[in-house]
Amino acid sequence: MRRLVLFVVLLFVAPVSWGQVTQEPYGPSASTFDDTPRVEIDPGMPMNPASVLDQVGRSLPSQGTTGLSAALNVMVLLTVITLGPSIVLMTTCFMRILIVLGLLKQAMGAASVPPAQVVTGLALFMTVMVMAPTAERVWTDAIEPFQRGEITSYEDLWIRGRQPLRDYMIGQIEYTG
C-alpha cells in the first residue's frame, strides 16, 4: 500500500518539476535576438509615456518614413474588427430590416416560427443586398485608388471612404422625412 501511495504522489509531483526555472548561461549564446532594437529607460528618471512611445516607435520597423508603425497598424486593425458589429448597426439598414421582419412575424401570428436566428440571417442577407451599391462605390472611390498608389495618406483614404456611407445615410434620413 505504501508503494502505491508513493507512486501516486510521484506521479502527480513529477510533471510539476518540469516547470522549474533553470539557470541558463549568460552571454552571446543566451539570446538569439541580439539584433533586436532595445528601448532604453533610465530607472532614475520618472517615466514619461510620450518619450517611451517615441523610443518604441523609432525601434519598430515600418513601411517607410511616414505613416504608422507596424504595431499601431495592428492596433488600428484590431480596433476596427472589434467595433465592426456596432459600425454595421450604425451605418446600415440592418436594424430597420430586422424590426420590419419582426413586426411581420408578429402580424402573421407566428411568434416562434421562423426562429430569431433565421430572421436575423435573412435581415443580414437583405442588408448586404441593399448596401451593395454603396460598398461598390466605397471600393471604386477609395480602396482601388489606394491600392494603385494614387492615394498615399490614410486621411485621404478615410475621407474618400466615408463619403459614400454619409451620402447613403443622409439619403435615408431625407427619405424618411
N, C-alpha and C. Protein backbone atom coordinates (compact mmCIF):
# COMPACT_ATOMS: atom_id res chain seq x y z
N MET A 1 0.82 -1.20 0.00
CA MET A 1 0.00 0.00 0.00
C MET A 1 0.86 1.26 0.00
N ARG A 2 1.98 1.22 0.78
CA ARG A 2 2.87 2.38 0.83
C ARG A 2 3.48 2.66 -0.54
N ARG A 3 3.82 1.60 -1.23
CA ARG A 3 4.43 1.78 -2.55
C ARG A 3 3.42 2.42 -3.52
N LEU A 4 2.18 2.03 -3.43
CA LEU A 4 1.15 2.59 -4.29
C LEU A 4 0.94 4.07 -4.00
N VAL A 5 0.89 4.45 -2.73
CA VAL A 5 0.74 5.86 -2.35
C VAL A 5 1.95 6.65 -2.82
N LEU A 6 3.17 6.10 -2.63
CA LEU A 6 4.38 6.78 -3.08
C LEU A 6 4.37 6.95 -4.60
N PHE A 7 3.93 5.94 -5.33
CA PHE A 7 3.86 6.02 -6.78
C PHE A 7 2.87 7.10 -7.23
N VAL A 8 1.71 7.16 -6.60
CA VAL A 8 0.71 8.17 -6.96
C VAL A 8 1.21 9.57 -6.66
N VAL A 9 1.88 9.76 -5.52
CA VAL A 9 2.43 11.08 -5.18
C VAL A 9 3.49 11.48 -6.19
N LEU A 10 4.39 10.57 -6.54
CA LEU A 10 5.43 10.88 -7.53
C LEU A 10 4.81 11.12 -8.91
N LEU A 11 3.74 10.43 -9.20
CA LEU A 11 3.08 10.62 -10.48
C LEU A 11 2.53 12.04 -10.62
N PHE A 12 2.02 12.60 -9.52
CA PHE A 12 1.48 13.96 -9.57
C PHE A 12 2.55 15.02 -9.40
N VAL A 13 3.67 14.71 -8.75
CA VAL A 13 4.71 15.70 -8.49
C VAL A 13 5.67 15.80 -9.67
N ALA A 14 5.89 14.72 -10.39
CA ALA A 14 6.88 14.72 -11.46
C ALA A 14 6.58 15.73 -12.56
N PRO A 15 5.35 15.86 -13.06
CA PRO A 15 5.12 16.87 -14.11
C PRO A 15 5.36 18.30 -13.63
N VAL A 16 5.14 18.56 -12.35
CA VAL A 16 5.35 19.90 -11.84
C VAL A 16 6.83 20.26 -11.86
N SER A 17 7.70 19.27 -11.68
CA SER A 17 9.14 19.56 -11.64
C SER A 17 9.66 20.03 -12.99
N TRP A 18 8.98 19.73 -14.08
CA TRP A 18 9.41 20.20 -15.39
C TRP A 18 9.23 21.71 -15.53
N GLY A 19 8.38 22.29 -14.72
CA GLY A 19 8.14 23.73 -14.80
C GLY A 19 9.10 24.56 -13.99
N GLN A 20 10.09 23.94 -13.34
CA GLN A 20 11.03 24.70 -12.53
C GLN A 20 11.99 25.48 -13.41
N VAL A 21 12.41 26.63 -12.90
CA VAL A 21 13.32 27.50 -13.63
C VAL A 21 14.74 26.99 -13.47
N THR A 22 15.46 26.94 -14.58
CA THR A 22 16.87 26.56 -14.53
C THR A 22 17.70 27.76 -14.93
N GLN A 23 18.93 27.80 -14.50
CA GLN A 23 19.84 28.89 -14.84
C GLN A 23 20.42 28.63 -16.22
N GLU A 24 20.23 29.56 -17.10
CA GLU A 24 20.82 29.49 -18.43
C GLU A 24 22.12 30.29 -18.41
N PRO A 25 23.08 29.90 -19.19
CA PRO A 25 24.33 30.67 -19.22
C PRO A 25 24.10 32.04 -19.84
N TYR A 26 24.79 33.03 -19.28
CA TYR A 26 24.69 34.38 -19.80
C TYR A 26 25.76 34.58 -20.87
N GLY A 27 25.50 35.49 -21.74
CA GLY A 27 26.49 35.79 -22.77
C GLY A 27 25.85 35.81 -24.13
N PRO A 28 26.68 35.84 -25.17
CA PRO A 28 26.14 35.95 -26.52
C PRO A 28 25.27 34.77 -26.94
N SER A 29 25.53 33.59 -26.38
CA SER A 29 24.74 32.44 -26.81
C SER A 29 23.40 32.36 -26.08
N ALA A 30 23.19 33.19 -25.06
CA ALA A 30 21.96 33.12 -24.28
C ALA A 30 20.77 33.66 -25.05
N SER A 31 20.98 34.62 -25.93
CA SER A 31 19.87 35.22 -26.65
C SER A 31 20.10 35.07 -28.14
N THR A 32 19.05 34.69 -28.84
CA THR A 32 19.15 34.59 -30.29
C THR A 32 18.66 35.86 -30.96
N PHE A 33 18.20 36.84 -30.17
CA PHE A 33 17.64 38.07 -30.72
C PHE A 33 18.57 39.25 -30.45
N ASP A 34 19.85 39.12 -30.76
CA ASP A 34 20.79 40.19 -30.48
C ASP A 34 20.59 41.39 -31.40
N ASP A 35 19.99 41.18 -32.57
CA ASP A 35 19.80 42.30 -33.48
C ASP A 35 18.51 43.06 -33.22
N THR A 36 17.75 42.67 -32.19
CA THR A 36 16.52 43.35 -31.85
C THR A 36 16.83 44.71 -31.24
N PRO A 37 16.22 45.79 -31.73
CA PRO A 37 16.48 47.10 -31.13
C PRO A 37 15.96 47.16 -29.70
N ARG A 38 16.68 47.83 -28.86
CA ARG A 38 16.33 47.93 -27.45
C ARG A 38 15.79 49.32 -27.14
N VAL A 39 14.82 49.38 -26.24
CA VAL A 39 14.30 50.64 -25.74
C VAL A 39 14.99 50.90 -24.41
N GLU A 40 15.72 51.98 -24.33
CA GLU A 40 16.49 52.28 -23.12
C GLU A 40 15.66 53.18 -22.22
N ILE A 41 15.47 52.74 -20.98
CA ILE A 41 14.74 53.51 -19.99
C ILE A 41 15.65 53.72 -18.79
N ASP A 42 15.82 54.98 -18.39
CA ASP A 42 16.65 55.31 -17.23
C ASP A 42 15.82 55.10 -15.98
N PRO A 43 16.24 54.17 -15.07
CA PRO A 43 15.43 53.92 -13.88
C PRO A 43 15.40 55.09 -12.91
N GLY A 44 16.36 56.00 -13.00
CA GLY A 44 16.39 57.14 -12.09
C GLY A 44 15.45 58.26 -12.50
N MET A 45 15.04 58.27 -13.74
CA MET A 45 14.18 59.34 -14.24
C MET A 45 12.71 58.90 -14.16
N PRO A 46 11.81 59.86 -13.91
CA PRO A 46 10.39 59.49 -13.92
C PRO A 46 9.96 59.07 -15.32
N MET A 47 9.02 58.14 -15.37
CA MET A 47 8.56 57.62 -16.66
C MET A 47 7.70 58.66 -17.37
N ASN A 48 8.08 58.98 -18.56
CA ASN A 48 7.29 59.86 -19.41
C ASN A 48 6.75 59.00 -20.55
N PRO A 49 5.44 58.72 -20.57
CA PRO A 49 4.89 57.83 -21.59
C PRO A 49 5.16 58.31 -23.01
N ALA A 50 5.17 59.61 -23.22
CA ALA A 50 5.39 60.13 -24.57
C ALA A 50 6.79 59.78 -25.06
N SER A 51 7.80 59.91 -24.19
CA SER A 51 9.16 59.60 -24.62
C SER A 51 9.34 58.11 -24.82
N VAL A 52 8.70 57.29 -23.98
CA VAL A 52 8.80 55.84 -24.16
C VAL A 52 8.16 55.43 -25.47
N LEU A 53 6.97 55.98 -25.77
CA LEU A 53 6.31 55.66 -27.04
C LEU A 53 7.14 56.14 -28.23
N ASP A 54 7.79 57.27 -28.07
CA ASP A 54 8.64 57.78 -29.14
C ASP A 54 9.80 56.82 -29.39
N GLN A 55 10.42 56.32 -28.32
CA GLN A 55 11.52 55.37 -28.48
C GLN A 55 11.04 54.07 -29.10
N VAL A 56 9.89 53.59 -28.66
CA VAL A 56 9.35 52.35 -29.22
C VAL A 56 9.04 52.55 -30.70
N GLY A 57 8.45 53.69 -31.05
CA GLY A 57 8.14 53.95 -32.45
C GLY A 57 9.37 54.00 -33.32
N ARG A 58 10.49 54.52 -32.78
CA ARG A 58 11.72 54.56 -33.56
C ARG A 58 12.35 53.18 -33.69
N SER A 59 12.13 52.30 -32.71
CA SER A 59 12.76 50.99 -32.75
C SER A 59 11.99 49.99 -33.59
N LEU A 60 10.70 50.24 -33.84
CA LEU A 60 9.90 49.31 -34.63
C LEU A 60 10.10 49.59 -36.12
N PRO A 61 10.24 48.53 -36.91
CA PRO A 61 10.35 48.76 -38.35
C PRO A 61 9.01 49.15 -38.93
N SER A 62 9.01 50.05 -39.89
CA SER A 62 7.77 50.44 -40.54
C SER A 62 7.97 50.39 -42.05
N GLN A 63 6.91 50.64 -42.78
CA GLN A 63 6.96 50.54 -44.23
C GLN A 63 7.85 51.61 -44.85
N GLY A 64 7.82 52.77 -44.29
CA GLY A 64 8.60 53.87 -44.83
C GLY A 64 8.86 54.89 -43.75
N THR A 65 9.19 56.09 -44.17
CA THR A 65 9.48 57.11 -43.18
C THR A 65 8.21 57.75 -42.64
N THR A 66 7.12 57.67 -43.37
CA THR A 66 5.87 58.25 -42.89
C THR A 66 4.86 57.16 -42.65
N GLY A 67 3.80 57.48 -41.95
CA GLY A 67 2.75 56.51 -41.68
C GLY A 67 2.89 55.91 -40.30
N LEU A 68 2.07 54.94 -40.04
CA LEU A 68 2.04 54.30 -38.74
C LEU A 68 3.03 53.14 -38.69
N SER A 69 3.51 52.85 -37.49
CA SER A 69 4.39 51.70 -37.33
C SER A 69 3.56 50.42 -37.43
N ALA A 70 4.23 49.30 -37.50
CA ALA A 70 3.53 48.02 -37.65
C ALA A 70 2.64 47.73 -36.45
N ALA A 71 3.11 48.04 -35.25
CA ALA A 71 2.31 47.78 -34.05
C ALA A 71 1.04 48.63 -34.04
N LEU A 72 1.15 49.88 -34.44
CA LEU A 72 -0.03 50.73 -34.49
C LEU A 72 -0.99 50.30 -35.59
N ASN A 73 -0.46 49.81 -36.71
CA ASN A 73 -1.33 49.29 -37.76
C ASN A 73 -2.14 48.10 -37.25
N VAL A 74 -1.49 47.21 -36.50
CA VAL A 74 -2.20 46.05 -35.94
C VAL A 74 -3.24 46.52 -34.94
N MET A 75 -2.89 47.51 -34.11
CA MET A 75 -3.83 48.01 -33.12
C MET A 75 -5.06 48.64 -33.79
N VAL A 76 -4.84 49.40 -34.84
CA VAL A 76 -5.96 50.01 -35.56
C VAL A 76 -6.83 48.93 -36.21
N LEU A 77 -6.20 47.93 -36.79
CA LEU A 77 -6.95 46.84 -37.41
C LEU A 77 -7.80 46.09 -36.39
N LEU A 78 -7.23 45.77 -35.23
CA LEU A 78 -7.98 45.07 -34.19
C LEU A 78 -9.11 45.94 -33.65
N THR A 79 -8.89 47.25 -33.56
CA THR A 79 -9.95 48.15 -33.10
C THR A 79 -11.11 48.16 -34.08
N VAL A 80 -10.81 48.22 -35.36
CA VAL A 80 -11.87 48.23 -36.37
C VAL A 80 -12.62 46.89 -36.36
N ILE A 81 -11.89 45.79 -36.21
CA ILE A 81 -12.55 44.48 -36.15
C ILE A 81 -13.44 44.38 -34.93
N THR A 82 -12.98 44.92 -33.80
CA THR A 82 -13.77 44.87 -32.58
C THR A 82 -15.03 45.72 -32.70
N LEU A 83 -14.90 46.88 -33.30
CA LEU A 83 -16.03 47.78 -33.41
C LEU A 83 -16.88 47.52 -34.65
N GLY A 84 -16.52 46.52 -35.44
CA GLY A 84 -17.23 46.22 -36.67
C GLY A 84 -18.72 46.00 -36.52
N PRO A 85 -19.16 45.17 -35.58
CA PRO A 85 -20.61 44.98 -35.44
C PRO A 85 -21.36 46.27 -35.11
N SER A 86 -20.81 47.10 -34.25
CA SER A 86 -21.50 48.35 -33.93
C SER A 86 -21.49 49.30 -35.13
N ILE A 87 -20.43 49.28 -35.91
CA ILE A 87 -20.38 50.11 -37.12
C ILE A 87 -21.45 49.65 -38.11
N VAL A 88 -21.62 48.34 -38.24
CA VAL A 88 -22.65 47.80 -39.14
C VAL A 88 -24.03 48.23 -38.66
N LEU A 89 -24.27 48.18 -37.36
CA LEU A 89 -25.58 48.59 -36.84
C LEU A 89 -25.84 50.07 -37.06
N MET A 90 -24.80 50.90 -36.95
CA MET A 90 -25.00 52.35 -37.05
C MET A 90 -25.08 52.85 -38.48
N THR A 91 -24.41 52.21 -39.41
CA THR A 91 -24.29 52.78 -40.75
C THR A 91 -25.12 52.07 -41.82
N THR A 92 -25.77 50.99 -41.48
CA THR A 92 -26.54 50.27 -42.50
C THR A 92 -28.02 50.23 -42.12
N CYS A 93 -28.79 49.61 -42.98
CA CYS A 93 -30.23 49.49 -42.76
C CYS A 93 -30.59 48.20 -42.04
N PHE A 94 -29.61 47.54 -41.42
CA PHE A 94 -29.84 46.24 -40.77
C PHE A 94 -30.94 46.31 -39.72
N MET A 95 -30.89 47.30 -38.84
CA MET A 95 -31.88 47.38 -37.75
C MET A 95 -33.28 47.63 -38.30
N ARG A 96 -33.39 48.45 -39.32
CA ARG A 96 -34.71 48.70 -39.93
C ARG A 96 -35.30 47.41 -40.48
N ILE A 97 -34.49 46.68 -41.22
CA ILE A 97 -34.97 45.44 -41.82
C ILE A 97 -35.33 44.43 -40.73
N LEU A 98 -34.51 44.34 -39.70
CA LEU A 98 -34.78 43.41 -38.61
C LEU A 98 -36.08 43.75 -37.89
N ILE A 99 -36.32 45.03 -37.66
CA ILE A 99 -37.56 45.46 -37.00
C ILE A 99 -38.77 45.16 -37.88
N VAL A 100 -38.67 45.44 -39.17
CA VAL A 100 -39.79 45.17 -40.07
C VAL A 100 -40.07 43.67 -40.14
N LEU A 101 -39.04 42.85 -40.21
CA LEU A 101 -39.26 41.40 -40.24
C LEU A 101 -39.86 40.90 -38.92
N GLY A 102 -39.45 41.49 -37.80
CA GLY A 102 -40.04 41.13 -36.51
C GLY A 102 -41.51 41.51 -36.44
N LEU A 103 -41.85 42.70 -36.94
CA LEU A 103 -43.26 43.11 -36.97
C LEU A 103 -44.07 42.21 -37.90
N LEU A 104 -43.49 41.84 -39.03
CA LEU A 104 -44.16 40.94 -39.96
C LEU A 104 -44.41 39.58 -39.32
N LYS A 105 -43.44 39.09 -38.59
CA LYS A 105 -43.58 37.80 -37.90
C LYS A 105 -44.70 37.85 -36.86
N GLN A 106 -44.78 38.95 -36.13
CA GLN A 106 -45.85 39.10 -35.14
C GLN A 106 -47.21 39.26 -35.82
N ALA A 107 -47.25 39.97 -36.94
CA ALA A 107 -48.52 40.19 -37.64
C ALA A 107 -49.08 38.89 -38.20
N MET A 108 -48.18 37.97 -38.56
CA MET A 108 -48.64 36.67 -39.06
C MET A 108 -49.11 35.77 -37.93
N GLY A 109 -48.84 36.15 -36.69
CA GLY A 109 -49.27 35.33 -35.56
C GLY A 109 -48.36 34.16 -35.28
N ALA A 110 -47.18 34.18 -35.82
CA ALA A 110 -46.22 33.10 -35.60
C ALA A 110 -45.05 33.66 -34.80
N ALA A 111 -45.17 33.59 -33.48
CA ALA A 111 -44.14 34.19 -32.62
C ALA A 111 -42.85 33.39 -32.61
N SER A 112 -42.93 32.08 -32.82
CA SER A 112 -41.72 31.27 -32.72
C SER A 112 -41.26 30.70 -34.06
N VAL A 113 -42.05 30.89 -35.12
CA VAL A 113 -41.66 30.37 -36.43
C VAL A 113 -41.60 31.53 -37.39
N PRO A 114 -40.57 31.79 -38.08
CA PRO A 114 -39.24 31.19 -38.02
C PRO A 114 -38.48 31.67 -36.78
N PRO A 115 -37.45 30.92 -36.39
CA PRO A 115 -36.67 31.30 -35.21
C PRO A 115 -35.95 32.63 -35.41
N ALA A 116 -35.53 33.21 -34.31
CA ALA A 116 -34.87 34.53 -34.35
C ALA A 116 -33.59 34.48 -35.18
N GLN A 117 -32.86 33.36 -35.15
CA GLN A 117 -31.63 33.26 -35.93
C GLN A 117 -31.92 33.32 -37.42
N VAL A 118 -33.01 32.73 -37.84
CA VAL A 118 -33.37 32.76 -39.26
C VAL A 118 -33.75 34.17 -39.68
N VAL A 119 -34.50 34.86 -38.83
CA VAL A 119 -34.90 36.24 -39.13
C VAL A 119 -33.67 37.14 -39.19
N THR A 120 -32.73 36.95 -38.26
CA THR A 120 -31.50 37.75 -38.26
C THR A 120 -30.66 37.46 -39.50
N GLY A 121 -30.56 36.19 -39.88
CA GLY A 121 -29.82 35.84 -41.10
C GLY A 121 -30.46 36.43 -42.34
N LEU A 122 -31.78 36.40 -42.41
CA LEU A 122 -32.49 37.00 -43.53
C LEU A 122 -32.26 38.51 -43.57
N ALA A 123 -32.26 39.14 -42.40
CA ALA A 123 -32.01 40.59 -42.33
C ALA A 123 -30.58 40.91 -42.78
N LEU A 124 -29.62 40.08 -42.39
CA LEU A 124 -28.23 40.30 -42.84
C LEU A 124 -28.12 40.16 -44.35
N PHE A 125 -28.76 39.13 -44.91
CA PHE A 125 -28.72 38.93 -46.36
C PHE A 125 -29.34 40.12 -47.09
N MET A 126 -30.49 40.58 -46.61
CA MET A 126 -31.15 41.72 -47.25
C MET A 126 -30.31 42.99 -47.09
N THR A 127 -29.63 43.15 -45.95
CA THR A 127 -28.76 44.31 -45.75
C THR A 127 -27.61 44.31 -46.74
N VAL A 128 -27.03 43.14 -46.97
CA VAL A 128 -25.94 43.04 -47.95
C VAL A 128 -26.44 43.43 -49.33
N MET A 129 -27.64 42.99 -49.68
CA MET A 129 -28.18 43.32 -51.00
C MET A 129 -28.47 44.82 -51.13
N VAL A 130 -28.98 45.43 -50.07
CA VAL A 130 -29.30 46.86 -50.12
C VAL A 130 -28.03 47.71 -50.12
N MET A 131 -27.02 47.28 -49.36
CA MET A 131 -25.80 48.08 -49.22
C MET A 131 -24.77 47.81 -50.31
N ALA A 132 -25.02 46.87 -51.22
CA ALA A 132 -24.04 46.52 -52.26
C ALA A 132 -23.65 47.72 -53.13
N PRO A 133 -24.57 48.57 -53.59
CA PRO A 133 -24.13 49.72 -54.39
C PRO A 133 -23.23 50.69 -53.61
N THR A 134 -23.52 50.89 -52.33
CA THR A 134 -22.69 51.77 -51.51
C THR A 134 -21.31 51.17 -51.31
N ALA A 135 -21.25 49.86 -51.06
CA ALA A 135 -19.96 49.20 -50.89
C ALA A 135 -19.15 49.25 -52.18
N GLU A 136 -19.83 49.10 -53.31
CA GLU A 136 -19.14 49.20 -54.61
C GLU A 136 -18.56 50.60 -54.81
N ARG A 137 -19.30 51.60 -54.40
CA ARG A 137 -18.82 52.98 -54.53
C ARG A 137 -17.62 53.24 -53.61
N VAL A 138 -17.65 52.70 -52.39
CA VAL A 138 -16.50 52.83 -51.49
C VAL A 138 -15.29 52.16 -52.12
N TRP A 139 -15.49 51.00 -52.71
CA TRP A 139 -14.39 50.26 -53.32
C TRP A 139 -13.78 51.05 -54.47
N THR A 140 -14.62 51.59 -55.36
CA THR A 140 -14.08 52.29 -56.53
C THR A 140 -13.53 53.67 -56.19
N ASP A 141 -14.12 54.35 -55.20
CA ASP A 141 -13.67 55.71 -54.88
C ASP A 141 -12.47 55.74 -53.95
N ALA A 142 -12.33 54.74 -53.06
CA ALA A 142 -11.30 54.82 -52.04
C ALA A 142 -10.29 53.68 -52.10
N ILE A 143 -10.76 52.46 -52.10
CA ILE A 143 -9.84 51.33 -51.92
C ILE A 143 -9.00 51.08 -53.17
N GLU A 144 -9.62 51.08 -54.35
CA GLU A 144 -8.85 50.86 -55.57
C GLU A 144 -7.78 51.93 -55.79
N PRO A 145 -8.10 53.24 -55.64
CA PRO A 145 -7.03 54.24 -55.79
C PRO A 145 -5.92 54.08 -54.75
N PHE A 146 -6.27 53.66 -53.54
CA PHE A 146 -5.25 53.44 -52.51
C PHE A 146 -4.34 52.29 -52.89
N GLN A 147 -4.91 51.22 -53.44
CA GLN A 147 -4.09 50.08 -53.85
C GLN A 147 -3.21 50.41 -55.05
N ARG A 148 -3.69 51.28 -55.93
CA ARG A 148 -2.88 51.68 -57.08
C ARG A 148 -1.82 52.71 -56.72
N GLY A 149 -1.91 53.29 -55.53
CA GLY A 149 -0.93 54.28 -55.10
C GLY A 149 -1.33 55.71 -55.39
N GLU A 150 -2.53 55.93 -55.90
CA GLU A 150 -2.99 57.29 -56.18
C GLU A 150 -3.28 58.05 -54.89
N ILE A 151 -3.70 57.34 -53.86
CA ILE A 151 -3.91 57.94 -52.54
C ILE A 151 -2.79 57.44 -51.65
N THR A 152 -2.07 58.36 -51.02
CA THR A 152 -0.93 57.95 -50.20
C THR A 152 -1.16 58.14 -48.71
N SER A 153 -2.08 59.00 -48.32
CA SER A 153 -2.27 59.23 -46.89
C SER A 153 -3.55 58.55 -46.41
N TYR A 154 -3.51 58.14 -45.16
CA TYR A 154 -4.69 57.50 -44.56
C TYR A 154 -5.84 58.48 -44.42
N GLU A 155 -5.52 59.75 -44.26
CA GLU A 155 -6.58 60.76 -44.11
C GLU A 155 -7.40 60.89 -45.40
N ASP A 156 -6.71 60.93 -46.54
CA ASP A 156 -7.43 60.98 -47.82
C ASP A 156 -8.25 59.71 -48.05
N LEU A 157 -7.68 58.57 -47.67
CA LEU A 157 -8.41 57.31 -47.79
C LEU A 157 -9.66 57.34 -46.94
N TRP A 158 -9.55 57.85 -45.72
CA TRP A 158 -10.69 57.92 -44.81
C TRP A 158 -11.76 58.85 -45.37
N ILE A 159 -11.36 60.02 -45.88
CA ILE A 159 -12.33 60.98 -46.41
C ILE A 159 -13.06 60.40 -47.62
N ARG A 160 -12.32 59.77 -48.52
CA ARG A 160 -12.96 59.19 -49.71
C ARG A 160 -13.82 57.98 -49.37
N GLY A 161 -13.42 57.21 -48.35
CA GLY A 161 -14.18 56.03 -47.99
C GLY A 161 -15.45 56.33 -47.21
N ARG A 162 -15.44 57.39 -46.43
CA ARG A 162 -16.63 57.68 -45.62
C ARG A 162 -17.70 58.44 -46.40
N GLN A 163 -17.34 59.10 -47.47
CA GLN A 163 -18.30 59.93 -48.20
C GLN A 163 -19.47 59.12 -48.77
N PRO A 164 -19.25 57.95 -49.40
CA PRO A 164 -20.40 57.18 -49.88
C PRO A 164 -21.33 56.74 -48.75
N LEU A 165 -20.78 56.38 -47.60
CA LEU A 165 -21.62 56.00 -46.46
C LEU A 165 -22.41 57.19 -45.95
N ARG A 166 -21.78 58.35 -45.91
CA ARG A 166 -22.50 59.55 -45.49
C ARG A 166 -23.63 59.87 -46.47
N ASP A 167 -23.34 59.77 -47.75
CA ASP A 167 -24.39 60.03 -48.74
C ASP A 167 -25.56 59.06 -48.56
N TYR A 168 -25.27 57.79 -48.31
CA TYR A 168 -26.33 56.80 -48.10
C TYR A 168 -27.15 57.16 -46.86
N MET A 169 -26.47 57.46 -45.75
CA MET A 169 -27.19 57.74 -44.51
C MET A 169 -28.01 59.03 -44.62
N ILE A 170 -27.46 60.06 -45.25
CA ILE A 170 -28.20 61.31 -45.42
C ILE A 170 -29.41 61.08 -46.33
N GLY A 171 -29.23 60.27 -47.38
CA GLY A 171 -30.36 59.94 -48.25
C GLY A 171 -31.47 59.21 -47.51
N GLN A 172 -31.11 58.33 -46.60
CA GLN A 172 -32.12 57.62 -45.81
C GLN A 172 -32.85 58.56 -44.85
N ILE A 173 -32.12 59.49 -44.27
CA ILE A 173 -32.74 60.46 -43.36
C ILE A 173 -33.71 61.35 -44.13
N GLU A 174 -33.29 61.83 -45.31
CA GLU A 174 -34.17 62.68 -46.11
C GLU A 174 -35.38 61.90 -46.61
N TYR A 175 -35.21 60.62 -46.92
CA TYR A 175 -36.31 59.80 -47.42
C TYR A 175 -37.38 59.59 -46.36
N THR A 176 -36.95 59.41 -45.10
CA THR A 176 -37.92 59.16 -44.04
C THR A 176 -38.55 60.43 -43.52
N GLY A 177 -38.03 61.56 -43.88
CA GLY A 177 -38.68 62.81 -43.56
C GLY A 177 -38.07 63.50 -42.41
